Amino acid sequence: MTGDIAIFRTVEEAERYLEPPAVEDGQTIVYDREGRHLSLEVLSEPDSKFLGITMSAGIERITIGREESLPVNGDELRQLLTNFLVRIGEAQELFHHATLEDVLDKAVTRLGFTR
């Protein structure tokens, strides 16, 4: 669903959760907790040969890497999370002077971690 938020404890949990079509459509954006954009890549398992016949593994997995060295998108992440929280019923006034950490804490409290 467009506009959904998922919060993960680790990069590995996010990699296991995300599905290739969601990454390939270009609409999935991933941040670390400080506001760095993270890169997403779909990797395919290599084909194998059995009795001279090439067999496609057909298995794809997601990898997440660091795209930026500095957390320059903290305000963008804070605004995205704030907008989402307000959309699901939190009062806008709670976020007027909230830091990114404040908003993240509220998001985790409200949504929990995705498994």
PDB file of N, CA and C in Angstrom:
ATOM      1  N   MET A   1       0.854  -1.187   0.000  1.00  0.00           N
ATOM      2  CA  MET A   1       0.000   0.000   0.000  1.00  0.00           C
ATOM      3  C   MET A   1       0.894   1.242   0.000  1.00  0.00           C
ATOM      4  N   THR A   2       0.584   2.184  -0.832  1.00  0.00           N
ATOM      5  CA  THR A   2       1.361   3.405  -0.929  1.00  0.00           C
ATOM      6  C   THR A   2       1.278   4.182   0.379  1.00  0.00           C
ATOM      7  N   GLY A   3       2.439   4.646   0.823  1.00  0.00           N
ATOM      8  CA  GLY A   3       2.469   5.459   2.024  1.00  0.00           C
ATOM      9  C   GLY A   3       2.612   4.692   3.311  1.00  0.00           C
ATOM     10  N   ASP A   4       2.759   3.385   3.255  1.00  0.00           N
ATOM     11  CA  ASP A   4       2.957   2.606   4.466  1.00  0.00           C
ATOM     12  C   ASP A   4       4.372   2.804   4.994  1.00  0.00           C
ATOM     13  N   ILE A   5       4.511   2.609   6.290  1.00  0.00           N
ATOM     14  CA  ILE A   5       5.794   2.730   6.966  1.00  0.00           C
ATOM     15  C   ILE A   5       6.090   1.394   7.637  1.00  0.00           C
ATOM     16  N   ALA A   6       7.294   0.922   7.498  1.00  0.00           N
ATOM     17  CA  ALA A   6       7.742  -0.269   8.206  1.00  0.00           C
ATOM     18  C   ALA A   6       9.036   0.097   8.917  1.00  0.00           C
ATOM     19  N   ILE A   7       9.157  -0.307  10.170  1.00  0.00           N
ATOM     20  CA  ILE A   7      10.338   0.010  10.975  1.00  0.00           C
ATOM     21  C   ILE A   7      10.979  -1.311  11.395  1.00  0.00           C
ATOM     22  N   PHE A   8      12.276  -1.409  11.192  1.00  0.00           N
ATOM     23  CA  PHE A   8      13.000  -2.650  11.477  1.00  0.00           C
ATOM     24  C   PHE A   8      14.092  -2.397  12.498  1.00  0.00           C
ATOM     25  N   ARG A   9      14.375  -3.408  13.295  1.00  0.00           N
ATOM     26  CA  ARG A   9      15.480  -3.320  14.257  1.00  0.00           C
ATOM     27  C   ARG A   9      16.836  -3.342  13.557  1.00  0.00           C
ATOM     28  N   THR A  10      16.937  -4.142  12.485  1.00  0.00           N
ATOM     29  CA  THR A  10      18.222  -4.309  11.805  1.00  0.00           C
ATOM     30  C   THR A  10      18.047  -4.254  10.289  1.00  0.00           C
ATOM     31  N   VAL A  11      19.141  -4.005   9.614  1.00  0.00           N
ATOM     32  CA  VAL A  11      19.157  -4.046   8.148  1.00  0.00           C
ATOM     33  C   VAL A  11      18.806  -5.447   7.674  1.00  0.00           C
ATOM     34  N   GLU A  12      19.317  -6.458   8.347  1.00  0.00           N
ATOM     35  CA  GLU A  12      19.061  -7.840   7.945  1.00  0.00           C
ATOM     36  C   GLU A  12      17.567  -8.165   7.985  1.00  0.00           C
ATOM     37  N   GLU A  13      16.869  -7.676   9.012  1.00  0.00           N
ATOM     38  CA  GLU A  13      15.420  -7.901   9.089  1.00  0.00           C
ATOM     39  C   GLU A  13      14.706  -7.219   7.930  1.00  0.00           C
ATOM     40  N   ALA A  14      15.141  -6.028   7.583  1.00  0.00           N
ATOM     41  CA  ALA A  14      14.536  -5.314   6.452  1.00  0.00           C
ATOM     42  C   ALA A  14      14.799  -6.056   5.149  1.00  0.00           C
ATOM     43  N   GLU A  15      16.015  -6.554   4.967  1.00  0.00           N
ATOM     44  CA  GLU A  15      16.341  -7.302   3.747  1.00  0.00           C
ATOM     45  C   GLU A  15      15.470  -8.550   3.613  1.00  0.00           C
ATOM     46  N   ARG A  16      15.216  -9.230   4.714  1.00  0.00           N
ATOM     47  CA  ARG A  16      14.377 -10.438   4.663  1.00  0.00           C
ATOM     48  C   ARG A  16      12.913 -10.093   4.393  1.00  0.00           C
ATOM     49  N   TYR A  17      12.461  -8.947   4.862  1.00  0.00           N
ATOM     50  CA  TYR A  17      11.059  -8.554   4.739  1.00  0.00           C
ATOM     51  C   TYR A  17      10.717  -8.015   3.349  1.00  0.00           C
ATOM     52  N   LEU A  18      11.572  -7.169   2.810  1.00  0.00           N
ATOM     53  CA  LEU A  18      11.274  -6.517   1.535  1.00  0.00           C
ATOM     54  C   LEU A  18      11.231  -7.530   0.402  1.00  0.00           C
ATOM     55  N   GLU A  19      10.343  -7.279  -0.548  1.00  0.00           N
ATOM     56  CA  GLU A  19      10.179  -8.172  -1.684  1.00  0.00           C
ATOM     57  C   GLU A  19      10.664  -7.482  -2.954  1.00  0.00           C
ATOM     58  N   PRO A  20      11.281  -8.249  -3.865  1.00  0.00           N
ATOM     59  CA  PRO A  20      11.818  -7.653  -5.093  1.00  0.00           C
ATOM     60  C   PRO A  20      10.859  -6.753  -5.854  1.00  0.00           C
ATOM     61  N   PRO A  21       9.590  -7.113  -6.071  1.00  0.00           N
ATOM     62  CA  PRO A  21       8.715  -6.189  -6.817  1.00  0.00           C
ATOM     63  C   PRO A  21       8.572  -4.820  -6.144  1.00  0.00           C
ATOM     64  N   ALA A  22       8.567  -4.793  -4.824  1.00  0.00           N
ATOM     65  CA  ALA A  22       8.439  -3.518  -4.108  1.00  0.00           C
ATOM     66  C   ALA A  22       9.676  -2.651  -4.293  1.00  0.00           C
ATOM     67  N   VAL A  23      10.811  -3.282  -4.483  1.00  0.00           N
ATOM     68  CA  VAL A  23      12.053  -2.536  -4.705  1.00  0.00           C
ATOM     69  C   VAL A  23      12.169  -2.140  -6.175  1.00  0.00           C
ATOM     70  N   GLU A  24      11.827  -3.057  -7.061  1.00  0.00           N
ATOM     71  CA  GLU A  24      11.970  -2.797  -8.491  1.00  0.00           C
ATOM     72  C   GLU A  24      11.045  -1.703  -8.997  1.00  0.00           C
ATOM     73  N   ASP A  25       9.918  -1.479  -8.326  1.00  0.00           N
ATOM     74  CA  ASP A  25       9.005  -0.428  -8.787  1.00  0.00           C
ATOM     75  C   ASP A  25       9.514   0.972  -8.467  1.00  0.00           C
ATOM     76  N   GLY A  26      10.602   1.056  -7.672  1.00  0.00           N
ATOM     77  CA  GLY A  26      11.234   2.338  -7.392  1.00  0.00           C
ATOM     78  C   GLY A  26      10.519   3.199  -6.372  1.00  0.00           C
ATOM     79  N   GLN A  27       9.467   2.687  -5.748  1.00  0.00           N
ATOM     80  CA  GLN A  27       8.724   3.493  -4.797  1.00  0.00           C
ATOM     81  C   GLN A  27       9.111   3.229  -3.351  1.00  0.00           C
ATOM     82  N   THR A  28       9.968   2.255  -3.113  1.00  0.00           N
ATOM     83  CA  THR A  28      10.408   1.956  -1.757  1.00  0.00           C
ATOM     84  C   THR A  28      11.627   2.803  -1.433  1.00  0.00           C
ATOM     85  N   ILE A  29      11.558   3.536  -0.332  1.00  0.00           N
ATOM     86  CA  ILE A  29      12.665   4.368   0.128  1.00  0.00           C
ATOM     87  C   ILE A  29      13.060   3.866   1.501  1.00  0.00           C
ATOM     88  N   VAL A  30      14.364   3.743   1.712  1.00  0.00           N
ATOM     89  CA  VAL A  30      14.862   3.237   2.988  1.00  0.00           C
ATOM     90  C   VAL A  30      15.815   4.266   3.586  1.00  0.00           C
ATOM     91  N   TYR A  31      15.638   4.499   4.891  1.00  0.00           N
ATOM     92  CA  TYR A  31      16.493   5.411   5.646  1.00  0.00           C
ATOM     93  C   TYR A  31      17.067   4.666   6.837  1.00  0.00           C
ATOM     94  N   ASP A  32      18.220   5.115   7.315  1.00  0.00           N
ATOM     95  CA  ASP A  32      18.663   4.654   8.625  1.00  0.00           C
ATOM     96  C   ASP A  32      18.063   5.599   9.660  1.00  0.00           C
ATOM     97  N   ARG A  33      18.292   5.312  10.929  1.00  0.00           N
ATOM     98  CA  ARG A  33      17.630   6.094  11.981  1.00  0.00           C
ATOM     99  C   ARG A  33      18.126   7.533  12.073  1.00  0.00           C
ATOM    100  N   GLU A  34      19.214   7.865  11.392  1.00  0.00           N
ATOM    101  CA  GLU A  34      19.722   9.239  11.400  1.00  0.00           C
ATOM    102  C   GLU A  34      19.316  10.028  10.165  1.00  0.00           C
ATOM    103  N   GLY A  35      18.645   9.378   9.222  1.00  0.00           N
ATOM    104  CA  GLY A  35      18.159  10.085   8.040  1.00  0.00           C
ATOM    105  C   GLY A  35      19.000   9.906   6.801  1.00  0.00           C
ATOM    106  N   ARG A  36      19.901   8.949   6.782  1.00  0.00           N
ATOM    107  CA  ARG A  36      20.650   8.670   5.556  1.00  0.00           C
ATOM    108  C   ARG A  36      19.775   7.823   4.630  1.00  0.00           C
ATOM    109  N   HIS A  37      19.755   8.167   3.347  1.00  0.00           N
ATOM    110  CA  HIS A  37      19.133   7.276   2.366  1.00  0.00           C
ATOM    111  C   HIS A  37      20.008   6.041   2.243  1.00  0.00           C
ATOM    112  N   LEU A  38      19.378   4.896   2.170  1.00  0.00           N
ATOM    113  CA  LEU A  38      20.101   3.643   1.973  1.00  0.00           C
ATOM    114  C   LEU A  38      19.753   3.103   0.595  1.00  0.00           C
ATOM    115  N   SER A  39      20.722   2.459  -0.027  1.00  0.00           N
ATOM    116  CA  SER A  39      20.494   1.914  -1.362  1.00  0.00           C
ATOM    117  C   SER A  39      19.812   0.551  -1.267  1.00  0.00           C
ATOM    118  N   LEU A  40      19.024   0.238  -2.267  1.00  0.00           N
ATOM    119  CA  LEU A  40      18.343  -1.048  -2.375  1.00  0.00           C
ATOM    120  C   LEU A  40      18.744  -1.705  -3.683  1.00  0.00           C
ATOM    121  N   GLU A  41      19.023  -2.990  -3.617  1.00  0.00           N
ATOM    122  CA  GLU A  41      19.393  -3.726  -4.817  1.00  0.00           C
ATOM    123  C   GLU A  41      18.756  -5.109  -4.751  1.00  0.00           C
ATOM    124  N   VAL A  42      18.252  -5.551  -5.897  1.00  0.00           N
ATOM    125  CA  VAL A  42      17.722  -6.903  -6.008  1.00  0.00           C
ATOM    126  C   VAL A  42      18.807  -7.765  -6.641  1.00  0.00           C
ATOM    127  N   LEU A  43      19.215  -8.798  -5.934  1.00  0.00           N
ATOM    128  CA  LEU A  43      20.221  -9.720  -6.442  1.00  0.00           C
ATOM    129  C   LEU A  43      19.574 -11.055  -6.765  1.00  0.00           C
ATOM    130  N   SER A  44      19.965 -11.624  -7.890  1.00  0.00           N
ATOM    131  CA  SER A  44      19.463 -12.936  -8.274  1.00  0.00           C
ATOM    132  C   SER A  44      20.519 -13.979  -7.956  1.00  0.00           C
ATOM    133  N   GLU A  45      20.065 -15.110  -7.459  1.00  0.00           N
ATOM    134  CA  GLU A  45      20.982 -16.219  -7.219  1.00  0.00           C
ATOM    135  C   GLU A  45      21.485 -16.698  -8.572  1.00  0.00           C
ATOM    136  N   PRO A  46      22.755 -17.091  -8.648  1.00  0.00           N
ATOM    137  CA  PRO A  46      23.298 -17.522  -9.940  1.00  0.00           C
ATOM    138  C   PRO A  46      22.648 -18.827 -10.415  1.00  0.00           C
ATOM    139  N   ASP A  47      22.576 -18.950 -11.747  1.00  0.00           N
ATOM    140  CA  ASP A  47      22.081 -20.189 -12.338  1.00  0.00           C
ATOM    141  C   ASP A  47      23.080 -21.307 -12.038  1.00  0.00           C
ATOM    142  N   SER A  48      22.593 -22.504 -12.019  1.00  0.00           N
ATOM    143  CA  SER A  48      23.476 -23.645 -11.787  1.00  0.00           C
ATOM    144  C   SER A  48      23.315 -24.639 -12.931  1.00  0.00           C
ATOM    145  N   LYS A  49      24.292 -25.515 -13.057  1.00  0.00           N
ATOM    146  CA  LYS A  49      24.231 -26.546 -14.099  1.00  0.00           C
ATOM    147  C   LYS A  49      24.106 -27.894 -13.426  1.00  0.00           C
ATOM    148  N   PHE A  50      23.205 -28.689 -13.972  1.00  0.00           N
ATOM    149  CA  PHE A  50      23.023 -30.048 -13.490  1.00  0.00           C
ATOM    150  C   PHE A  50      22.941 -30.946 -14.713  1.00  0.00           C
ATOM    151  N   LEU A  51      23.876 -31.875 -14.813  1.00  0.00           N
ATOM    152  CA  LEU A  51      23.954 -32.782 -15.968  1.00  0.00           C
ATOM    153  C   LEU A  51      23.996 -32.009 -17.283  1.00  0.00           C
ATOM    154  N   GLY A  52      24.731 -30.880 -17.271  1.00  0.00           N
ATOM    155  CA  GLY A  52      24.898 -30.076 -18.472  1.00  0.00           C
ATOM    156  C   GLY A  52      23.724 -29.184 -18.804  1.00  0.00           C
ATOM    157  N   ILE A  53      22.689 -29.201 -17.968  1.00  0.00           N
ATOM    158  CA  ILE A  53      21.511 -28.368 -18.208  1.00  0.00           C
ATOM    159  C   ILE A  53      21.565 -27.179 -17.262  1.00  0.00           C
ATOM    160  N   THR A  54      21.462 -25.988 -17.823  1.00  0.00           N
ATOM    161  CA  THR A  54      21.448 -24.786 -16.996  1.00  0.00           C
ATOM    162  C   THR A  54      20.079 -24.646 -16.358  1.00  0.00           C
ATOM    163  N   MET A  55      20.107 -24.521 -15.032  1.00  0.00           N
ATOM    164  CA  MET A  55      18.851 -24.381 -14.289  1.00  0.00           C
ATOM    165  C   MET A  55      18.850 -23.022 -13.606  1.00  0.00           C
ATOM    166  N   SER A  56      17.814 -22.274 -13.857  1.00  0.00           N
ATOM    167  CA  SER A  56      17.687 -20.969 -13.232  1.00  0.00           C
ATOM    168  C   SER A  56      17.271 -21.143 -11.775  1.00  0.00           C
ATOM    169  N   ALA A  57      18.009 -20.486 -10.892  1.00  0.00           N
ATOM    170  CA  ALA A  57      17.674 -20.578  -9.476  1.00  0.00           C
ATOM    171  C   ALA A  57      16.361 -19.865  -9.195  1.00  0.00           C
ATOM    172  N   GLY A  58      16.092 -18.781  -9.921  1.00  0.00           N
ATOM    173  CA  GLY A  58      14.844 -18.062  -9.758  1.00  0.00           C
ATOM    174  C   GLY A  58      14.666 -17.429  -8.384  1.00  0.00           C
ATOM    175  N   ILE A  59      15.741 -17.345  -7.637  1.00  0.00           N
ATOM    176  CA  ILE A  59      15.665 -16.789  -6.280  1.00  0.00           C
ATOM    177  C   ILE A  59      16.279 -15.404  -6.295  1.00  0.00           C
ATOM    178  N   GLU A  60      15.531 -14.451  -5.797  1.00  0.00           N
ATOM    179  CA  GLU A  60      16.024 -13.082  -5.693  1.00  0.00           C
ATOM    180  C   GLU A  60      16.017 -12.676  -4.229  1.00  0.00           C
ATOM    181  N   ARG A  61      16.958 -11.818  -3.887  1.00  0.00           N
ATOM    182  CA  ARG A  61      16.996 -11.297  -2.527  1.00  0.00           C
ATOM    183  C   ARG A  61      17.367  -9.822  -2.580  1.00  0.00           C
ATOM    184  N   ILE A  62      17.039  -9.138  -1.518  1.00  0.00           N
ATOM    185  CA  ILE A  62      17.283  -7.699  -1.408  1.00  0.00           C
ATOM    186  C   ILE A  62      18.543  -7.466  -0.594  1.00  0.00           C
ATOM    187  N   THR A  63      19.350  -6.529  -1.031  1.00  0.00           N
ATOM    188  CA  THR A  63      20.464  -6.061  -0.204  1.00  0.00           C
ATOM    189  C   THR A  63      20.291  -4.560   0.001  1.00  0.00           C
ATOM    190  N   ILE A  64      20.647  -4.127   1.197  1.00  0.00           N
ATOM    191  CA  ILE A  64      20.567  -2.710   1.556  1.00  0.00           C
ATOM    192  C   ILE A  64      21.972  -2.244   1.882  1.00  0.00           C
ATOM    193  N   GLY A  65      22.372  -1.122   1.304  1.00  0.00           N
ATOM    194  CA  GLY A  65      23.700  -0.575   1.556  1.00  0.00           C
ATOM    195  C   GLY A  65      23.621   0.900   1.867  1.00  0.00           C
ATOM    196  N   ARG A  66      24.733   1.435   2.281  1.00  0.00           N
ATOM    197  CA  ARG A  66      24.785   2.859   2.598  1.00  0.00           C
ATOM    198  C   ARG A  66      24.965   3.646   1.311  1.00  0.00           C
ATOM    199  N   GLU A  67      24.073   4.588   1.103  1.00  0.00           N
ATOM    200  CA  GLU A  67      24.096   5.427  -0.089  1.00  0.00           C
ATOM    201  C   GLU A  67      24.762   6.767   0.204  1.00  0.00           C
ATOM    202  N   GLU A  68      24.593   7.246   1.426  1.00  0.00           N
ATOM    203  CA  GLU A  68      25.109   8.556   1.815  1.00  0.00           C
ATOM    204  C   GLU A  68      25.981   8.409   3.054  1.00  0.00           C
ATOM    205  N   SER A  69      27.017   9.198   3.123  1.00  0.00           N
ATOM    206  CA  SER A  69      27.877   9.132   4.306  1.00  0.00           C
ATOM    207  C   SER A  69      27.392  10.053   5.422  1.00  0.00           C
ATOM    208  N   LEU A  70      26.719  11.126   5.056  1.00  0.00           N
ATOM    209  CA  LEU A  70      26.208  12.065   6.056  1.00  0.00           C
ATOM    210  C   LEU A  70      24.685  11.961   6.136  1.00  0.00           C
ATOM    211  N   PRO A  71      24.121  12.108   7.335  1.00  0.00           N
ATOM    212  CA  PRO A  71      22.663  12.033   7.478  1.00  0.00           C
ATOM    213  C   PRO A  71      21.980  13.337   7.079  1.00  0.00           C
ATOM    214  N   VAL A  72      21.951  13.601   5.780  1.00  0.00           N
ATOM    215  CA  VAL A  72      21.434  14.884   5.294  1.00  0.00           C
ATOM    216  C   VAL A  72      19.916  14.889   5.098  1.00  0.00           C
ATOM    217  N   ASN A  73      19.276  13.748   5.262  1.00  0.00           N
ATOM    218  CA  ASN A  73      17.835  13.668   5.017  1.00  0.00           C
ATOM    219  C   ASN A  73      17.023  13.456   6.291  1.00  0.00           C
ATOM    220  N   GLY A  74      17.585  13.841   7.428  1.00  0.00           N
ATOM    221  CA  GLY A  74      16.880  13.689   8.694  1.00  0.00           C
ATOM    222  C   GLY A  74      15.571  14.459   8.726  1.00  0.00           C
ATOM    223  N   ASP A  75      15.564  15.680   8.197  1.00  0.00           N
ATOM    224  CA  ASP A  75      14.329  16.468   8.175  1.00  0.00           C
ATOM    225  C   ASP A  75      13.280  15.836   7.260  1.00  0.00           C
ATOM    226  N   GLU A  76      13.736  15.286   6.142  1.00  0.00           N
ATOM    227  CA  GLU A  76      12.824  14.607   5.219  1.00  0.00           C
ATOM    228  C   GLU A  76      12.186  13.390   5.902  1.00  0.00           C
ATOM    229  N   LEU A  77      13.002  12.589   6.590  1.00  0.00           N
ATOM    230  CA  LEU A  77      12.491  11.419   7.302  1.00  0.00           C
ATOM    231  C   LEU A  77      11.540  11.843   8.426  1.00  0.00           C
ATOM    232  N   ARG A  78      11.918  12.863   9.165  1.00  0.00           N
ATOM    233  CA  ARG A  78      11.061  13.357  10.246  1.00  0.00           C
ATOM    234  C   ARG A  78       9.697  13.783   9.698  1.00  0.00           C
ATOM    235  N   GLN A  79       9.689  14.485   8.567  1.00  0.00           N
ATOM    236  CA  GLN A  79       8.433  14.943   7.977  1.00  0.00           C
ATOM    237  C   GLN A  79       7.596  13.777   7.462  1.00  0.00           C
ATOM    238  N   LEU A  80       8.228  12.803   6.814  1.00  0.00           N
ATOM    239  CA  LEU A  80       7.489  11.624   6.330  1.00  0.00           C
ATOM    240  C   LEU A  80       6.832  10.875   7.486  1.00  0.00           C
ATOM    241  N   LEU A  81       7.598  10.671   8.559  1.00  0.00           N
ATOM    242  CA  LEU A  81       7.053   9.969   9.719  1.00  0.00           C
ATOM    243  C   LEU A  81       5.951  10.781  10.392  1.00  0.00           C
ATOM    244  N   THR A  82       6.161  12.082  10.516  1.00  0.00           N
ATOM    245  CA  THR A  82       5.150  12.956  11.113  1.00  0.00           C
ATOM    246  C   THR A  82       3.855  12.903  10.309  1.00  0.00           C
ATOM    247  N   ASN A  83       3.961  13.037   8.989  1.00  0.00           N
ATOM    248  CA  ASN A  83       2.775  12.998   8.137  1.00  0.00           C
ATOM    249  C   ASN A  83       2.031  11.672   8.294  1.00  0.00           C
ATOM    250  N   PHE A  84       2.776  10.579   8.345  1.00  0.00           N
ATOM    251  CA  PHE A  84       2.165   9.268   8.504  1.00  0.00           C
ATOM    252  C   PHE A  84       1.452   9.163   9.850  1.00  0.00           C
ATOM    253  N   LEU A  85       2.133   9.571  10.911  1.00  0.00           N
ATOM    254  CA  LEU A  85       1.534   9.477  12.246  1.00  0.00           C
ATOM    255  C   LEU A  85       0.270  10.332  12.370  1.00  0.00           C
ATOM    256  N   VAL A  86       0.284  11.511  11.777  1.00  0.00           N
ATOM    257  CA  VAL A  86      -0.901  12.369  11.796  1.00  0.00           C
ATOM    258  C   VAL A  86      -2.021  11.697  10.993  1.00  0.00           C
ATOM    259  N   ARG A  87      -1.674  11.107   9.862  1.00  0.00           N
ATOM    260  CA  ARG A  87      -2.671  10.432   9.024  1.00  0.00           C
ATOM    261  C   ARG A  87      -3.348   9.275   9.764  1.00  0.00           C
ATOM    262  N   ILE A  88      -2.626   8.620  10.683  1.00  0.00           N
ATOM    263  CA  ILE A  88      -3.231   7.494  11.404  1.00  0.00           C
ATOM    264  C   ILE A  88      -3.789   7.909  12.767  1.00  0.00           C
ATOM    265  N   GLY A  89      -3.868   9.227  13.006  1.00  0.00           N
ATOM    266  CA  GLY A  89      -4.606   9.679  14.168  1.00  0.00           C
ATOM    267  C   GLY A  89      -3.854  10.414  15.254  1.00  0.00           C
ATOM    268  N   GLU A  90      -2.554  10.592  15.122  1.00  0.00           N
ATOM    269  CA  GLU A  90      -1.809  11.352  16.129  1.00  0.00           C
ATOM    270  C   GLU A  90      -2.056  12.845  15.916  1.00  0.00           C
ATOM    271  N   ALA A  91      -2.023  13.601  16.993  1.00  0.00           N
ATOM    272  CA  ALA A  91      -2.255  15.042  16.922  1.00  0.00           C
ATOM    273  C   ALA A  91      -1.047  15.766  16.328  1.00  0.00           C
ATOM    274  N   GLN A  92      -1.299  16.597  15.351  1.00  0.00           N
ATOM    275  CA  GLN A  92      -0.238  17.378  14.687  1.00  0.00           C
ATOM    276  C   GLN A  92       0.583  18.185  15.699  1.00  0.00           C
ATOM    277  N   GLU A  93      -0.074  18.689  16.727  1.00  0.00           N
ATOM    278  CA  GLU A  93       0.592  19.535  17.724  1.00  0.00           C
ATOM    279  C   GLU A  93       1.737  18.810  18.439  1.00  0.00           C
ATOM    280  N   LEU A  94       1.662  17.500  18.507  1.00  0.00           N
ATOM    281  CA  LEU A  94       2.723  16.724  19.168  1.00  0.00           C
ATOM    282  C   LEU A  94       4.065  16.865  18.474  1.00  0.00           C
ATOM    283  N   PHE A  95       4.056  17.270  17.210  1.00  0.00           N
ATOM    284  CA  PHE A  95       5.265  17.208  16.401  1.00  0.00           C
ATOM    285  C   PHE A  95       5.852  18.562  16.022  1.00  0.00           C
ATOM    286  N   HIS A  96       5.274  19.668  16.514  1.00  0.00           N
ATOM    287  CA  HIS A  96       5.757  20.989  16.107  1.00  0.00           C
ATOM    288  C   HIS A  96       7.235  21.200  16.420  1.00  0.00           C
ATOM    289  N   HIS A  97       7.690  20.766  17.561  1.00  0.00           N
ATOM    290  CA  HIS A  97       9.092  20.965  17.940  1.00  0.00           C
ATOM    291  C   HIS A  97       9.811  19.640  18.155  1.00  0.00           C
ATOM    292  N   ALA A  98       9.258  18.574  17.625  1.00  0.00           N
ATOM    293  CA  ALA A  98       9.829  17.242  17.821  1.00  0.00           C
ATOM    294  C   ALA A  98      11.074  17.052  16.967  1.00  0.00           C
ATOM    295  N   THR A  99      12.061  16.405  17.552  1.00  0.00           N
ATOM    296  CA  THR A  99      13.265  16.034  16.815  1.00  0.00           C
ATOM    297  C   THR A  99      12.997  14.742  16.053  1.00  0.00           C
ATOM    298  N   LEU A 100      13.907  14.374  15.175  1.00  0.00           N
ATOM    299  CA  LEU A 100      13.798  13.107  14.469  1.00  0.00           C
ATOM    300  C   LEU A 100      13.728  11.957  15.467  1.00  0.00           C
ATOM    301  N   GLU A 101      14.554  12.007  16.498  1.00  0.00           N
ATOM    302  CA  GLU A 101      14.541  10.948  17.513  1.00  0.00           C
ATOM    303  C   GLU A 101      13.187  10.863  18.215  1.00  0.00           C
ATOM    304  N   ASP A 102      12.596  12.016  18.530  1.00  0.00           N
ATOM    305  CA  ASP A 102      11.270  12.040  19.151  1.00  0.00           C
ATOM    306  C   ASP A 102      10.222  11.368  18.257  1.00  0.00           C
ATOM    307  N   VAL A 103      10.251  11.712  16.980  1.00  0.00           N
ATOM    308  CA  VAL A 103       9.268  11.179  16.041  1.00  0.00           C
ATOM    309  C   VAL A 103       9.490   9.679  15.832  1.00  0.00           C
ATOM    310  N   LEU A 104      10.749   9.263  15.740  1.00  0.00           N
ATOM    311  CA  LEU A 104      11.048   7.831  15.615  1.00  0.00           C
ATOM    312  C   LEU A 104      10.551   7.056  16.831  1.00  0.00           C
ATOM    313  N   ASP A 105      10.787   7.592  18.005  1.00  0.00           N
ATOM    314  CA  ASP A 105      10.312   6.938  19.230  1.00  0.00           C
ATOM    315  C   ASP A 105       8.794   6.793  19.208  1.00  0.00           C
ATOM    316  N   LYS A 106       8.096   7.844  18.781  1.00  0.00           N
ATOM    317  CA  LYS A 106       6.638   7.801  18.699  1.00  0.00           C
ATOM    318  C   LYS A 106       6.187   6.774  17.669  1.00  0.00           C
ATOM    319  N   ALA A 107       6.879   6.723  16.534  1.00  0.00           N
ATOM    320  CA  ALA A 107       6.525   5.761  15.482  1.00  0.00           C
ATOM    321  C   ALA A 107       6.713   4.328  15.956  1.00  0.00           C
ATOM    322  N   VAL A 108       7.810   4.065  16.655  1.00  0.00           N
ATOM    323  CA  VAL A 108       8.057   2.712  17.172  1.00  0.00           C
ATOM    324  C   VAL A 108       7.021   2.361  18.230  1.00  0.00           C
ATOM    325  N   THR A 109       6.701   3.323  19.099  1.00  0.00           N
ATOM    326  CA  THR A 109       5.684   3.085  20.127  1.00  0.00           C
ATOM    327  C   THR A 109       4.337   2.772  19.484  1.00  0.00           C
ATOM    328  N   ARG A 110       3.988   3.516  18.463  1.00  0.00           N
ATOM    329  CA  ARG A 110       2.674   3.358  17.816  1.00  0.00           C
ATOM    330  C   ARG A 110       2.614   2.135  16.910  1.00  0.00           C
ATOM    331  N   LEU A 111       3.692   1.893  16.138  1.00  0.00           N
ATOM    332  CA  LEU A 111       3.662   0.837  15.126  1.00  0.00           C
ATOM    333  C   LEU A 111       4.380  -0.438  15.537  1.00  0.00           C
ATOM    334  N   GLY A 112       5.345  -0.297  16.441  1.00  0.00           N
ATOM    335  CA  GLY A 112       6.194  -1.432  16.765  1.00  0.00           C
ATOM    336  C   GLY A 112       7.175  -1.694  15.623  1.00  0.00           C
ATOM    337  N   PHE A 113       7.986  -2.711  15.814  1.00  0.00           N
ATOM    338  CA  PHE A 113       8.931  -3.096  14.761  1.00  0.00           C
ATOM    339  C   PHE A 113       8.273  -4.116  13.849  1.00  0.00           C
ATOM    340  N   THR A 114       8.541  -3.995  12.546  1.00  0.00           N
ATOM    341  CA  THR A 114       8.033  -4.940  11.571  1.00  0.00           C
ATOM    342  C   THR A 114       8.882  -6.202  11.635  1.00  0.00           C
ATOM    343  N   ARG A 115       8.225  -7.343  11.546  1.00  0.00           N
ATOM    344  CA  ARG A 115       8.964  -8.629  11.591  1.00  0.00           C
ATOM    345  C   ARG A 115       8.840  -9.342  10.284  1.00  0.00           C
TER     346      ARG A 115
END
